Amino acid sequence: MSRLTITLSEPRYRALKEAAAQRNKTIGQLIDESLDFYGIKSREEALDLVRRARACSALSEAQSLTLAQEEVQAVRHAS
């Protein structure tokens, strides 16, 4: 498991420490769950998700790629 050092303001650190304690979790567990919530995945996890979605889809590979490109463009234009 990798380690990471981040800098937080003292109030933010206290709030994070409190939130972890209230949930009976470590700060690391809370951050890890937050990353999951925001969809932060390793490349392998993302590829697995795409494979599983493709297996459940009636779209061809070309149609899937076109749809993915359209969605990326829509998100970029909305930002």
Protein backbone atom coordinates (compact mmCIF):
# COMPACT_ATOMS: atom_id res chain seq x y z
CA MET A 1 0.00 0.00 0.00
CA SER A 2 1.31 3.46 -0.88
CA ARG A 3 1.58 6.38 1.47
CA LEU A 4 0.65 9.98 0.66
CA THR A 5 1.39 13.21 2.47
CA ILE A 6 -1.03 16.10 2.01
CA THR A 7 -1.21 19.55 3.55
CA LEU A 8 -4.53 20.64 5.05
CA SER A 9 -5.49 23.70 7.01
CA GLU A 10 -5.83 23.01 10.72
CA PRO A 11 -9.64 23.46 10.69
CA ARG A 12 -9.98 21.10 7.70
CA TYR A 13 -7.75 18.50 9.41
CA ARG A 14 -9.80 18.69 12.63
CA ALA A 15 -13.04 18.34 10.67
CA LEU A 16 -11.67 15.31 8.82
CA LYS A 17 -10.43 13.74 12.05
CA GLU A 18 -13.85 14.32 13.68
CA ALA A 19 -15.72 12.89 10.70
CA ALA A 20 -13.55 9.78 10.74
CA ALA A 21 -14.06 9.31 14.49
CA GLN A 22 -17.84 9.75 14.19
CA ARG A 23 -17.91 7.03 11.54
CA ASN A 24 -15.53 4.79 13.50
CA LYS A 25 -13.07 4.85 10.59
CA THR A 26 -9.51 5.98 10.03
CA ILE A 27 -8.79 9.13 8.06
CA GLY A 28 -7.29 6.91 5.34
CA GLN A 29 -10.48 4.85 5.12
CA LEU A 30 -12.58 7.98 4.88
CA ILE A 31 -10.42 9.39 2.09
CA ASP A 32 -10.43 6.05 0.25
CA GLU A 33 -14.25 5.91 0.42
CA SER A 34 -14.44 9.49 -0.83
CA LEU A 35 -12.28 8.62 -3.83
CA ASP A 36 -14.57 5.68 -4.60
CA PHE A 37 -17.58 8.00 -4.33
CA TYR A 38 -16.03 10.37 -6.89
CA GLY A 39 -15.23 7.52 -9.26
CA ILE A 40 -11.46 7.68 -8.90
CA LYS A 41 -10.31 4.28 -10.14
CA SER A 42 -7.10 2.61 -11.18
CA ARG A 43 -6.65 1.95 -14.88
CA GLU A 44 -7.26 -1.76 -14.27
CA GLU A 45 -10.51 -1.07 -12.39
CA ALA A 46 -11.69 1.28 -15.14
CA LEU A 47 -10.90 -1.27 -17.87
CA ASP A 48 -12.74 -3.97 -15.92
CA LEU A 49 -15.76 -1.68 -15.58
CA VAL A 50 -15.74 -1.04 -19.35
CA ARG A 51 -15.45 -4.79 -20.05
CA ARG A 52 -18.41 -5.57 -17.80
CA ALA A 53 -20.51 -2.77 -19.29
CA ARG A 54 -19.68 -3.90 -22.82
CA ALA A 55 -20.73 -7.45 -21.97
CA CYS A 56 -24.16 -6.16 -20.88
CA SER A 57 -24.60 -3.81 -23.83
CA ALA A 58 -26.22 -4.43 -27.18
CA LEU A 59 -23.91 -1.83 -28.77
CA SER A 60 -21.08 -2.78 -31.09
CA GLU A 61 -17.54 -1.72 -30.24
CA ALA A 62 -17.75 1.11 -32.80
CA GLN A 63 -21.06 2.33 -31.40
CA SER A 64 -19.68 2.17 -27.86
CA LEU A 65 -16.63 4.20 -28.86
CA THR A 66 -18.76 6.83 -30.61
CA LEU A 67 -21.05 7.12 -27.59
CA ALA A 68 -18.08 7.43 -25.21
CA GLN A 69 -16.52 10.17 -27.36
CA GLU A 70 -19.81 12.09 -27.48
CA GLU A 71 -20.18 11.87 -23.70
CA VAL A 72 -16.61 13.10 -23.10
CA GLN A 73 -17.16 16.03 -25.44
CA ALA A 74 -20.45 16.91 -23.74
CA VAL A 75 -18.80 16.93 -20.32
CA ARG A 76 -15.89 19.05 -21.58
CA HIS A 77 -18.25 21.60 -23.14
CA ALA A 78 -20.31 21.80 -19.95
CA SER A 79 -17.23 22.65 -17.87
